[in-house]
Amino acid sequence: MKIALRGSGSRHLLRKLEKSGVTELVGGIQHELFFDSDWPNERLDEFLRIAARSGVIDLNPWMTFTRADLEDAKFFRLRPRKVVEDTAADYNRLRDHTNGLPWSGDDPYHRCRLPQRLWLLKIRLPPNQVAVVGQWTAEYVVPQAVRRIFEDAGLSGVEFRPITHTRTGASHDGFFHLYGGRFLGPRTADIATREIYSPDPAERGREALGCFCYDANALVGALDFNRTAEADVGFEFPEWVVSPRVRQLFEARLLKGWTFEPVLSTASRRHRDYEALWASLYRLLADCGKHTIRGEEPPPAATDRA
């Protein structure tokens, strides 16, 4: 388990660091805009400490996992690898529909709105690939062949709803909306959770920079397909958490369109290792005194955690 990082800064700063030769520590600057590295990494440590003398580096993080991390996981977060592009009309229909739905609760940190329908003008997918709708939802399109695979395996917590053609109002032939109404208990706000403040209620909440983390009780009774009790903002859609059966079937049948990220139990050793990993990155940034994660300084409490 590591934290992958894409670092960026002003062109002036990056050029200055390039001239000094220090960017060789992170493999050079790509397209004069960014560099890619990971943590823990002694060369990144050295680079950030030197760079802090001249300016601010902003880091965009995401998690990477070993095969052992994946095999040990009891649940997974779905991540899309393929997008069905939505038109402006598609977006407006889904946006209007979602705006009319009630929130699942009053707590801005533990609530969401779950779309009951989808509209798309066109769908082009191979028979073995699933895809997320647009760049803003957590709703998936599933071809008929994939539906049959899931149904034949008896996977629980999921149903397949028609998708409406935006122009004609008919149902798309051979494609379905992956729908699930089984909600998990609330996620735990871990060390890598960032609070989002916005005047727009749909954009308030917590964003997981790292893994989804749960108290063990929140996962009791979980099915093969589950929805989170909250959105991972910016939009109000709940995410998907699935069982190892889903991942094993998906990989065994050579299906495409998802990656699987381990969900961590707060009582596990891997969660302790995960928290220590993020704490060490926050300590480095605190020592440097300038650099940010997605434009924001780490919360003070995070830098003090072991």
C-alpha atoms as a PDB file:
ATOM      1  CA  MET A   1       0.000   0.000   0.000  1.00  0.00           C
ATOM      2  CA  LYS A   2       1.380   3.383  -1.035  1.00  0.00           C
ATOM      3  CA  ILE A   3       0.184   6.929  -1.691  1.00  0.00           C
ATOM      4  CA  ALA A   4       0.697   7.926  -5.317  1.00  0.00           C
ATOM      5  CA  LEU A   5       1.233  11.664  -5.727  1.00  0.00           C
ATOM      6  CA  ARG A   6       1.109  14.048  -8.666  1.00  0.00           C
ATOM      7  CA  GLY A   7       2.832  17.290  -7.750  1.00  0.00           C
ATOM      8  CA  SER A   8       2.437  20.650  -9.432  1.00  0.00           C
ATOM      9  CA  GLY A   9       3.495  24.248  -8.869  1.00  0.00           C
ATOM     10  CA  SER A  10       3.931  27.537 -10.670  1.00  0.00           C
ATOM     11  CA  ARG A  11       5.873  27.395 -13.941  1.00  0.00           C
ATOM     12  CA  HIS A  12       8.414  29.770 -12.436  1.00  0.00           C
ATOM     13  CA  LEU A  13       8.984  27.446  -9.470  1.00  0.00           C
ATOM     14  CA  LEU A  14       9.201  24.288 -11.575  1.00  0.00           C
ATOM     15  CA  ARG A  15      11.660  25.882 -14.003  1.00  0.00           C
ATOM     16  CA  LYS A  16      13.801  27.089 -11.123  1.00  0.00           C
ATOM     17  CA  LEU A  17      13.860  23.626  -9.589  1.00  0.00           C
ATOM     18  CA  GLU A  18      14.676  22.079 -12.980  1.00  0.00           C
ATOM     19  CA  LYS A  19      17.629  24.406 -13.481  1.00  0.00           C
ATOM     20  CA  SER A  20      18.985  23.430 -10.082  1.00  0.00           C
ATOM     21  CA  GLY A  21      18.771  19.743 -11.007  1.00  0.00           C
ATOM     22  CA  VAL A  22      16.623  18.860  -7.997  1.00  0.00           C
ATOM     23  CA  THR A  23      13.709  17.628 -10.118  1.00  0.00           C
ATOM     24  CA  GLU A  24      15.791  14.572 -11.017  1.00  0.00           C
ATOM     25  CA  LEU A  25      14.815  13.312  -7.563  1.00  0.00           C
ATOM     26  CA  VAL A  26      11.231  12.883  -8.820  1.00  0.00           C
ATOM     27  CA  GLY A  27      12.029  11.746 -12.357  1.00  0.00           C
ATOM     28  CA  GLY A  28      11.778  15.172 -13.963  1.00  0.00           C
ATOM     29  CA  ILE A  29       8.865  17.474 -14.769  1.00  0.00           C
ATOM     30  CA  GLN A  30       6.320  16.196 -17.286  1.00  0.00           C
ATOM     31  CA  HIS A  31       5.096  18.668 -19.945  1.00  0.00           C
ATOM     32  CA  GLU A  32       6.506  21.496 -17.799  1.00  0.00           C
ATOM     33  CA  LEU A  33       3.480  21.060 -15.518  1.00  0.00           C
ATOM     34  CA  PHE A  34       3.797  18.216 -13.004  1.00  0.00           C
ATOM     35  CA  PHE A  35       5.782  15.287 -11.658  1.00  0.00           C
ATOM     36  CA  ASP A  36       4.681  11.856 -10.463  1.00  0.00           C
ATOM     37  CA  SER A  37       6.006  10.175  -7.350  1.00  0.00           C
ATOM     38  CA  ASP A  38       4.783   8.151  -4.391  1.00  0.00           C
ATOM     39  CA  TRP A  39       5.083   7.889  -0.635  1.00  0.00           C
ATOM     40  CA  PRO A  40       7.005   6.645   1.311  1.00  0.00           C
ATOM     41  CA  ASN A  41       9.976   7.679  -0.787  1.00  0.00           C
ATOM     42  CA  GLU A  42      13.283   9.142   0.446  1.00  0.00           C
ATOM     43  CA  ARG A  43      13.871  10.959  -2.846  1.00  0.00           C
ATOM     44  CA  LEU A  44      10.474  12.681  -2.647  1.00  0.00           C
ATOM     45  CA  ASP A  45      11.236  13.611   0.967  1.00  0.00           C
ATOM     46  CA  GLU A  46      14.469  15.281  -0.124  1.00  0.00           C
ATOM     47  CA  PHE A  47      12.812  16.998  -3.092  1.00  0.00           C
ATOM     48  CA  LEU A  48       9.978  18.537  -1.043  1.00  0.00           C
ATOM     49  CA  ARG A  49      12.344  19.804   1.641  1.00  0.00           C
ATOM     50  CA  ILE A  50      14.510  21.507  -0.971  1.00  0.00           C
ATOM     51  CA  ALA A  51      11.534  22.836  -2.953  1.00  0.00           C
ATOM     52  CA  ALA A  52      10.069  24.439   0.188  1.00  0.00           C
ATOM     53  CA  ARG A  53      12.922  26.942   0.179  1.00  0.00           C
ATOM     54  CA  SER A  54      11.592  28.386  -3.089  1.00  0.00           C
ATOM     55  CA  GLY A  55       7.839  27.900  -3.199  1.00  0.00           C
ATOM     56  CA  VAL A  56       4.770  25.736  -2.791  1.00  0.00           C
ATOM     57  CA  ILE A  57       4.150  22.308  -4.316  1.00  0.00           C
ATOM     58  CA  ASP A  58       0.535  21.094  -4.425  1.00  0.00           C
ATOM     59  CA  LEU A  59       0.041  17.337  -4.236  1.00  0.00           C
ATOM     60  CA  ASN A  60      -2.863  15.340  -5.648  1.00  0.00           C
ATOM     61  CA  PRO A  61      -2.941  11.914  -3.909  1.00  0.00           C
ATOM     62  CA  TRP A  62      -4.489   8.545  -4.656  1.00  0.00           C
ATOM     63  CA  MET A  63      -3.908   5.081  -3.226  1.00  0.00           C
ATOM     64  CA  THR A  64      -2.081   2.180  -4.872  1.00  0.00           C
ATOM     65  CA  PHE A  65      -2.240  -1.387  -3.622  1.00  0.00           C
ATOM     66  CA  THR A  66      -0.293  -4.621  -3.769  1.00  0.00           C
ATOM     67  CA  ARG A  67      -1.861  -7.937  -4.686  1.00  0.00           C
ATOM     68  CA  ALA A  68      -1.645  -8.872  -0.984  1.00  0.00           C
ATOM     69  CA  ASP A  69      -3.665  -5.755  -0.071  1.00  0.00           C
ATOM     70  CA  LEU A  70      -6.393  -6.818  -2.501  1.00  0.00           C
ATOM     71  CA  GLU A  71      -6.480 -10.467  -1.479  1.00  0.00           C
ATOM     72  CA  ASP A  72      -6.763  -9.518   2.200  1.00  0.00           C
ATOM     73  CA  ALA A  73      -9.698  -7.126   1.742  1.00  0.00           C
ATOM     74  CA  LYS A  74     -13.190  -8.052   2.933  1.00  0.00           C
ATOM     75  CA  PHE A  75     -14.907  -5.348   0.824  1.00  0.00           C
ATOM     76  CA  PHE A  76     -13.991  -3.062  -2.065  1.00  0.00           C
ATOM     77  CA  ARG A  77     -14.859   0.377  -3.346  1.00  0.00           C
ATOM     78  CA  LEU A  78     -15.699   0.446  -7.057  1.00  0.00           C
ATOM     79  CA  ARG A  79     -13.773   2.885  -9.217  1.00  0.00           C
ATOM     80  CA  PRO A  80     -14.730   3.514 -12.874  1.00  0.00           C
ATOM     81  CA  ARG A  81     -12.338   3.052 -15.767  1.00  0.00           C
ATOM     82  CA  LYS A  82     -14.804   3.702 -18.585  1.00  0.00           C
ATOM     83  CA  VAL A  83     -17.235   6.607 -19.065  1.00  0.00           C
ATOM     84  CA  VAL A  84     -20.459   6.782 -21.068  1.00  0.00           C
ATOM     85  CA  GLU A  85     -20.463  10.426 -22.070  1.00  0.00           C
ATOM     86  CA  ASP A  86     -23.697  12.249 -21.325  1.00  0.00           C
ATOM     87  CA  THR A  87     -25.067  15.057 -23.461  1.00  0.00           C
ATOM     88  CA  ALA A  88     -26.337  18.338 -22.034  1.00  0.00           C
ATOM     89  CA  ALA A  89     -29.881  16.984 -22.324  1.00  0.00           C
ATOM     90  CA  ASP A  90     -28.877  13.762 -20.519  1.00  0.00           C
ATOM     91  CA  TYR A  91     -27.263  15.783 -17.753  1.00  0.00           C
ATOM     92  CA  ASN A  92     -30.256  18.084 -17.361  1.00  0.00           C
ATOM     93  CA  ARG A  93     -32.748  15.207 -17.119  1.00  0.00           C
ATOM     94  CA  LEU A  94     -30.728  13.418 -14.442  1.00  0.00           C
ATOM     95  CA  ARG A  95     -29.966  16.680 -12.655  1.00  0.00           C
ATOM     96  CA  ASP A  96     -33.653  17.652 -12.516  1.00  0.00           C
ATOM     97  CA  HIS A  97     -34.620  14.150 -11.392  1.00  0.00           C
ATOM     98  CA  THR A  98     -32.008  14.093  -8.620  1.00  0.00           C
ATOM     99  CA  ASN A  99     -32.915  17.596  -7.430  1.00  0.00           C
ATOM    100  CA  GLY A 100     -36.446  16.347  -6.825  1.00  0.00           C
ATOM    101  CA  LEU A 101     -35.351  13.445  -4.627  1.00  0.00           C
ATOM    102  CA  PRO A 102     -35.235  13.659  -0.830  1.00  0.00           C
ATOM    103  CA  TRP A 103     -31.946  13.501   1.019  1.00  0.00           C
ATOM    104  CA  SER A 104     -31.389  10.238   2.870  1.00  0.00           C
ATOM    105  CA  GLY A 105     -30.800  12.145   6.136  1.00  0.00           C
ATOM    106  CA  ASP A 106     -30.222  15.531   7.763  1.00  0.00           C
ATOM    107  CA  ASP A 107     -26.527  15.158   8.633  1.00  0.00           C
ATOM    108  CA  PRO A 108     -24.533  16.818   5.813  1.00  0.00           C
ATOM    109  CA  TYR A 109     -21.684  14.379   6.460  1.00  0.00           C
ATOM    110  CA  HIS A 110     -23.837  11.246   6.239  1.00  0.00           C
ATOM    111  CA  ARG A 111     -26.449  11.709   3.560  1.00  0.00           C
ATOM    112  CA  CYS A 112     -26.943  11.269  -0.163  1.00  0.00           C
ATOM    113  CA  ARG A 113     -29.560  11.163  -2.910  1.00  0.00           C
ATOM    114  CA  LEU A 114     -29.957   7.977  -4.917  1.00  0.00           C
ATOM    115  CA  PRO A 115     -31.150   8.320  -8.546  1.00  0.00           C
ATOM    116  CA  GLN A 116     -33.985   6.001  -9.493  1.00  0.00           C
ATOM    117  CA  ARG A 117     -33.617   6.437 -13.270  1.00  0.00           C
ATOM    118  CA  LEU A 118     -31.072   7.269 -15.965  1.00  0.00           C
ATOM    119  CA  TRP A 119     -31.396   9.068 -19.315  1.00  0.00           C
ATOM    120  CA  LEU A 120     -28.882   8.697 -22.142  1.00  0.00           C
ATOM    121  CA  LEU A 121     -29.036   9.663 -25.800  1.00  0.00           C
ATOM    122  CA  LYS A 122     -26.633   6.935 -26.923  1.00  0.00           C
ATOM    123  CA  ILE A 123     -24.689   4.052 -25.399  1.00  0.00           C
ATOM    124  CA  ARG A 124     -21.710   2.391 -27.039  1.00  0.00           C
ATOM    125  CA  LEU A 125     -20.118  -0.338 -24.954  1.00  0.00           C
ATOM    126  CA  PRO A 126     -18.545  -3.722 -25.669  1.00  0.00           C
ATOM    127  CA  PRO A 127     -20.591  -6.600 -24.223  1.00  0.00           C
ATOM    128  CA  ASN A 128     -18.022  -7.253 -21.452  1.00  0.00           C
ATOM    129  CA  GLN A 129     -17.613  -3.676 -20.195  1.00  0.00           C
ATOM    130  CA  VAL A 130     -19.449  -1.562 -17.631  1.00  0.00           C
ATOM    131  CA  ALA A 131     -19.197   2.224 -17.577  1.00  0.00           C
ATOM    132  CA  VAL A 132     -20.069   5.136 -15.320  1.00  0.00           C
ATOM    133  CA  VAL A 133     -22.470   7.811 -16.573  1.00  0.00           C
ATOM    134  CA  GLY A 134     -20.636  11.083 -17.195  1.00  0.00           C
ATOM    135  CA  GLN A 135     -17.802  12.520 -15.145  1.00  0.00           C
ATOM    136  CA  TRP A 136     -20.001  13.348 -12.171  1.00  0.00           C
ATOM    137  CA  THR A 137     -22.116  10.335 -11.127  1.00  0.00           C
ATOM    138  CA  ALA A 138     -21.619   6.969  -9.428  1.00  0.00           C
ATOM    139  CA  GLU A 139     -24.290   5.335 -11.628  1.00  0.00           C
ATOM    140  CA  TYR A 140     -23.285   2.534 -13.986  1.00  0.00           C
ATOM    141  CA  VAL A 141     -24.467   1.205 -17.335  1.00  0.00           C
ATOM    142  CA  VAL A 142     -24.334  -2.593 -17.637  1.00  0.00           C
ATOM    143  CA  PRO A 143     -24.665  -4.523 -20.941  1.00  0.00           C
ATOM    144  CA  GLN A 144     -26.990  -7.510 -21.167  1.00  0.00           C
ATOM    145  CA  ALA A 145     -24.100 -10.023 -21.133  1.00  0.00           C
ATOM    146  CA  VAL A 146     -22.722  -8.642 -17.868  1.00  0.00           C
ATOM    147  CA  ARG A 147     -26.201  -8.617 -16.352  1.00  0.00           C
ATOM    148  CA  ARG A 148     -26.535 -12.327 -17.120  1.00  0.00           C
ATOM    149  CA  ILE A 149     -23.178 -13.071 -15.507  1.00  0.00           C
ATOM    150  CA  PHE A 150     -24.174 -11.260 -12.302  1.00  0.00           C
ATOM    151  CA  GLU A 151     -27.613 -12.857 -12.197  1.00  0.00           C
ATOM    152  CA  ASP A 152     -26.330 -16.356 -12.899  1.00  0.00           C
ATOM    153  CA  ALA A 153     -23.867 -15.981 -10.009  1.00  0.00           C
ATOM    154  CA  GLY A 154     -26.703 -14.966  -7.667  1.00  0.00           C
ATOM    155  CA  LEU A 155     -25.006 -11.745  -6.535  1.00  0.00           C
ATOM    156  CA  SER A 156     -27.101  -9.973  -3.904  1.00  0.00           C
ATOM    157  CA  GLY A 157     -28.049  -6.333  -3.459  1.00  0.00           C
ATOM    158  CA  VAL A 158     -28.393  -5.382  -7.102  1.00  0.00           C
ATOM    159  CA  GLU A 159     -31.123  -5.009  -9.711  1.00  0.00           C
ATOM    160  CA  PHE A 160     -31.107  -3.920 -13.326  1.00  0.00           C
ATOM    161  CA  ARG A 161     -33.392  -1.094 -14.410  1.00  0.00           C
ATOM    162  CA  PRO A 162     -34.169   0.195 -17.901  1.00  0.00           C
ATOM    163  CA  ILE A 163     -32.302   3.241 -19.205  1.00  0.00           C
ATOM    164  CA  THR A 164     -34.480   5.817 -20.957  1.00  0.00           C
ATOM    165  CA  HIS A 165     -33.525   7.184 -24.373  1.00  0.00           C
ATOM    166  CA  THR A 166     -33.449  10.937 -23.837  1.00  0.00           C
ATOM    167  CA  ARG A 167     -35.073  11.810 -27.146  1.00  0.00           C
ATOM    168  CA  THR A 168     -37.611   9.031 -27.738  1.00  0.00           C
ATOM    169  CA  GLY A 169     -38.527   8.006 -24.180  1.00  0.00           C
ATOM    170  CA  ALA A 170     -38.088   4.320 -25.078  1.00  0.00           C
ATOM    171  CA  SER A 171     -35.788   1.970 -23.164  1.00  0.00           C
ATOM    172  CA  HIS A 172     -32.321   1.307 -24.545  1.00  0.00           C
ATOM    173  CA  ASP A 173     -32.125  -2.240 -25.864  1.00  0.00           C
ATOM    174  CA  GLY A 174     -29.441  -4.405 -24.223  1.00  0.00           C
ATOM    175  CA  PHE A 175     -28.247  -1.926 -21.592  1.00  0.00           C
ATOM    176  CA  PHE A 176     -29.312  -1.472 -17.983  1.00  0.00           C
ATOM    177  CA  HIS A 177     -28.927   0.842 -14.995  1.00  0.00           C
ATOM    178  CA  LEU A 178     -27.086  -0.942 -12.176  1.00  0.00           C
ATOM    179  CA  TYR A 179     -29.260  -0.128  -9.181  1.00  0.00           C
ATOM    180  CA  GLY A 180     -28.909  -0.999  -5.506  1.00  0.00           C
ATOM    181  CA  GLY A 181     -30.812   0.255  -2.486  1.00  0.00           C
ATOM    182  CA  ARG A 182     -28.918  -1.480   0.358  1.00  0.00           C
ATOM    183  CA  PHE A 183     -27.150   1.234   2.385  1.00  0.00           C
ATOM    184  CA  LEU A 184     -24.218   0.600   4.698  1.00  0.00           C
ATOM    185  CA  GLY A 185     -23.730   2.306   8.040  1.00  0.00           C
ATOM    186  CA  PRO A 186     -21.758   5.566   8.085  1.00  0.00           C
ATOM    187  CA  ARG A 187     -18.106   5.714   7.100  1.00  0.00           C
ATOM    188  CA  THR A 188     -15.464   6.670   9.642  1.00  0.00           C
ATOM    189  CA  ALA A 189     -13.742  10.031   9.199  1.00  0.00           C
ATOM    190  CA  ASP A 190     -10.132   8.823   9.099  1.00  0.00           C
ATOM    191  CA  ILE A 191      -6.845  10.690   8.906  1.00  0.00           C
ATOM    192  CA  ALA A 192      -7.147  11.138   5.120  1.00  0.00           C
ATOM    193  CA  THR A 193     -10.702  12.522   5.189  1.00  0.00           C
ATOM    194  CA  ARG A 194     -11.127  16.110   4.039  1.00  0.00           C
ATOM    195  CA  GLU A 195     -14.146  18.205   4.995  1.00  0.00           C
ATOM    196  CA  ILE A 196     -15.748  20.163   2.165  1.00  0.00           C
ATOM    197  CA  TYR A 197     -17.492  23.446   2.955  1.00  0.00           C
ATOM    198  CA  SER A 198     -19.762  24.968   0.308  1.00  0.00           C
ATOM    199  CA  PRO A 199     -22.853  27.177   0.090  1.00  0.00           C
ATOM    200  CA  ASP A 200     -24.318  24.447  -2.153  1.00  0.00           C
ATOM    201  CA  PRO A 201     -25.805  21.694   0.071  1.00  0.00           C
ATOM    202  CA  ALA A 202     -25.036  19.082  -2.602  1.00  0.00           C
ATOM    203  CA  GLU A 203     -21.321  19.820  -2.280  1.00  0.00           C
ATOM    204  CA  ARG A 204     -20.989  19.707   1.504  1.00  0.00           C
ATOM    205  CA  GLY A 205     -19.616  16.677   3.235  1.00  0.00           C
ATOM    206  CA  ARG A 206     -16.431  14.678   3.453  1.00  0.00           C
ATOM    207  CA  GLU A 207     -14.063  13.567   0.703  1.00  0.00           C
ATOM    208  CA  ALA A 208     -11.946  10.433   1.073  1.00  0.00           C
ATOM    209  CA  LEU A 209      -8.431  11.225  -0.135  1.00  0.00           C
ATOM    210  CA  GLY A 210      -7.491   7.676   0.820  1.00  0.00           C
ATOM    211  CA  CYS A 211      -9.549   4.554   1.475  1.00  0.00           C
ATOM    212  CA  PHE A 212     -13.116   4.154   2.631  1.00  0.00           C
ATOM    213  CA  CYS A 213     -12.866   3.162   6.305  1.00  0.00           C
ATOM    214  CA  TYR A 214     -15.591   1.598   8.433  1.00  0.00           C
ATOM    215  CA  ASP A 215     -16.174   0.482  11.967  1.00  0.00           C
ATOM    216  CA  ALA A 216     -16.797  -3.267  11.791  1.00  0.00           C
ATOM    217  CA  ASN A 217     -20.433  -2.807  12.894  1.00  0.00           C
ATOM    218  CA  ALA A 218     -21.147  -0.657   9.828  1.00  0.00           C
ATOM    219  CA  LEU A 219     -20.401  -3.638   7.570  1.00  0.00           C
ATOM    220  CA  VAL A 220     -22.507  -6.200   9.409  1.00  0.00           C
ATOM    221  CA  GLY A 221     -25.066  -7.718   7.049  1.00  0.00           C
ATOM    222  CA  ALA A 222     -23.462  -6.185   3.953  1.00  0.00           C
ATOM    223  CA  LEU A 223     -24.495  -7.748   0.633  1.00  0.00           C
ATOM    224  CA  ASP A 224     -22.480  -8.268  -2.535  1.00  0.00           C
ATOM    225  CA  PHE A 225     -23.523  -4.816  -3.791  1.00  0.00           C
ATOM    226  CA  ASN A 226     -24.025  -1.957  -1.303  1.00  0.00           C
ATOM    227  CA  ARG A 227     -24.363   1.816  -1.430  1.00  0.00           C
ATOM    228  CA  THR A 228     -22.562   4.106   0.962  1.00  0.00           C
ATOM    229  CA  ALA A 229     -24.651   6.133   3.403  1.00  0.00           C
ATOM    230  CA  GLU A 230     -23.008   9.301   2.133  1.00  0.00           C
ATOM    231  CA  ALA A 231     -21.584  10.825  -1.012  1.00  0.00           C
ATOM    232  CA  ASP A 232     -17.887  11.296  -1.597  1.00  0.00           C
ATOM    233  CA  VAL A 233     -18.383  14.932  -2.611  1.00  0.00           C
ATOM    234  CA  GLY A 234     -18.479  16.828  -4.968  1.00  0.00           C
ATOM    235  CA  PHE A 235     -21.926  15.530  -5.991  1.00  0.00           C
ATOM    236  CA  GLU A 236     -24.552  13.897  -3.855  1.00  0.00           C
ATOM    237  CA  PHE A 237     -24.458  10.354  -5.250  1.00  0.00           C
ATOM    238  CA  PRO A 238     -23.643   7.458  -2.922  1.00  0.00           C
ATOM    239  CA  GLU A 239     -20.704   5.268  -3.888  1.00  0.00           C
ATOM    240  CA  TRP A 240     -20.564   1.487  -4.315  1.00  0.00           C
ATOM    241  CA  VAL A 241     -18.984  -0.992  -1.896  1.00  0.00           C
ATOM    242  CA  VAL A 242     -18.883  -4.611  -3.066  1.00  0.00           C
ATOM    243  CA  SER A 243     -17.842  -8.019  -1.757  1.00  0.00           C
ATOM    244  CA  PRO A 244     -14.839 -10.121  -2.856  1.00  0.00           C
ATOM    245  CA  ARG A 245     -17.310 -12.289  -4.794  1.00  0.00           C
ATOM    246  CA  VAL A 246     -17.929  -9.368  -7.153  1.00  0.00           C
ATOM    247  CA  ARG A 247     -14.232  -8.760  -7.745  1.00  0.00           C
ATOM    248  CA  GLN A 248     -13.446 -12.459  -8.208  1.00  0.00           C
ATOM    249  CA  LEU A 249     -16.275 -12.899 -10.716  1.00  0.00           C
ATOM    250  CA  PHE A 250     -15.394  -9.701 -12.556  1.00  0.00           C
ATOM    251  CA  GLU A 251     -11.770 -10.756 -12.987  1.00  0.00           C
ATOM    252  CA  ALA A 252     -12.505 -14.421 -13.720  1.00  0.00           C
ATOM    253  CA  ARG A 253     -14.897 -13.486 -16.548  1.00  0.00           C
ATOM    254  CA  LEU A 254     -12.449 -10.881 -17.925  1.00  0.00           C
ATOM    255  CA  LEU A 255     -14.909  -8.045 -17.512  1.00  0.00           C
ATOM    256  CA  LYS A 256     -13.783  -4.433 -17.892  1.00  0.00           C
ATOM    257  CA  GLY A 257     -14.655  -0.989 -16.566  1.00  0.00           C
ATOM    258  CA  TRP A 258     -13.970  -1.224 -12.813  1.00  0.00           C
ATOM    259  CA  THR A 259     -10.983  -1.203 -10.523  1.00  0.00           C
ATOM    260  CA  PHE A 260     -11.322  -2.341  -6.930  1.00  0.00           C
ATOM    261  CA  GLU A 261      -9.918  -0.478  -3.914  1.00  0.00           C
ATOM    262  CA  PRO A 262      -9.778  -2.167  -0.510  1.00  0.00           C
ATOM    263  CA  VAL A 263     -12.215  -0.931   2.127  1.00  0.00           C
ATOM    264  CA  LEU A 264     -10.555  -0.897   5.556  1.00  0.00           C
ATOM    265  CA  SER A 265     -11.948  -1.935   8.913  1.00  0.00           C
ATOM    266  CA  THR A 266     -10.828   0.427  11.663  1.00  0.00           C
ATOM    267  CA  ALA A 267      -9.990  -2.581  13.873  1.00  0.00           C
ATOM    268  CA  SER A 268      -7.544  -4.100  11.361  1.00  0.00           C
ATOM    269  CA  ARG A 269      -3.752  -4.073  11.158  1.00  0.00           C
ATOM    270  CA  ARG A 270      -3.936  -2.722   7.615  1.00  0.00           C
ATOM    271  CA  HIS A 271      -5.918   0.269   8.878  1.00  0.00           C
ATOM    272  CA  ARG A 272      -3.228   0.977  11.476  1.00  0.00           C
ATOM    273  CA  ASP A 273      -0.569   0.763   8.753  1.00  0.00           C
ATOM    274  CA  TYR A 274      -2.689   3.026   6.533  1.00  0.00           C
ATOM    275  CA  GLU A 275      -3.065   5.693   9.238  1.00  0.00           C
ATOM    276  CA  ALA A 276       0.675   5.566   9.958  1.00  0.00           C
ATOM    277  CA  LEU A 277       1.379   5.987   6.230  1.00  0.00           C
ATOM    278  CA  TRP A 278      -0.751   9.111   5.938  1.00  0.00           C
ATOM    279  CA  ALA A 279       0.542  10.507   9.241  1.00  0.00           C
ATOM    280  CA  SER A 280       4.117  10.235   7.977  1.00  0.00           C
ATOM    281  CA  LEU A 281       3.215  12.210   4.841  1.00  0.00           C
ATOM    282  CA  TYR A 282       1.477  14.892   6.897  1.00  0.00           C
ATOM    283  CA  ARG A 283       4.518  15.146   9.167  1.00  0.00           C
ATOM    284  CA  LEU A 284       6.747  15.708   6.163  1.00  0.00           C
ATOM    285  CA  LEU A 285       4.487  18.493   4.888  1.00  0.00           C
ATOM    286  CA  ALA A 286       4.382  20.048   8.352  1.00  0.00           C
ATOM    287  CA  ASP A 287       8.194  19.961   8.523  1.00  0.00           C
ATOM    288  CA  CYS A 288       8.405  21.655   5.121  1.00  0.00           C
ATOM    289  CA  GLY A 289       5.885  24.250   6.275  1.00  0.00           C
ATOM    290  CA  LYS A 290       4.480  25.216   2.857  1.00  0.00           C
ATOM    291  CA  HIS A 291       3.255  22.434   0.614  1.00  0.00           C
ATOM    292  CA  THR A 292      -0.420  21.534   0.277  1.00  0.00           C
ATOM    293  CA  ILE A 293      -2.683  18.619  -0.645  1.00  0.00           C
ATOM    294  CA  ARG A 294      -5.219  19.619  -3.304  1.00  0.00           C
ATOM    295  CA  GLY A 295      -4.662  23.259  -2.525  1.00  0.00           C
ATOM    296  CA  GLU A 296      -5.226  22.972   1.232  1.00  0.00           C
ATOM    297  CA  GLU A 297      -2.878  22.570   4.145  1.00  0.00           C
ATOM    298  CA  PRO A 298      -3.323  19.307   6.081  1.00  0.00           C
ATOM    299  CA  PRO A 299      -5.529  19.712   9.159  1.00  0.00           C
ATOM    300  CA  PRO A 300      -3.422  20.487  12.264  1.00  0.00           C
ATOM    301  CA  ALA A 301      -4.690  17.416  14.126  1.00  0.00           C
ATOM    302  CA  ALA A 302      -3.494  15.143  11.344  1.00  0.00           C
ATOM    303  CA  THR A 303       0.119  16.211  11.708  1.00  0.00           C
ATOM    304  CA  ASP A 304       0.144  15.102  15.356  1.00  0.00           C
ATOM    305  CA  ARG A 305      -1.143  11.582  14.819  1.00  0.00           C
ATOM    306  CA  ALA A 306       1.212   8.632  14.884  1.00  0.00           C
END
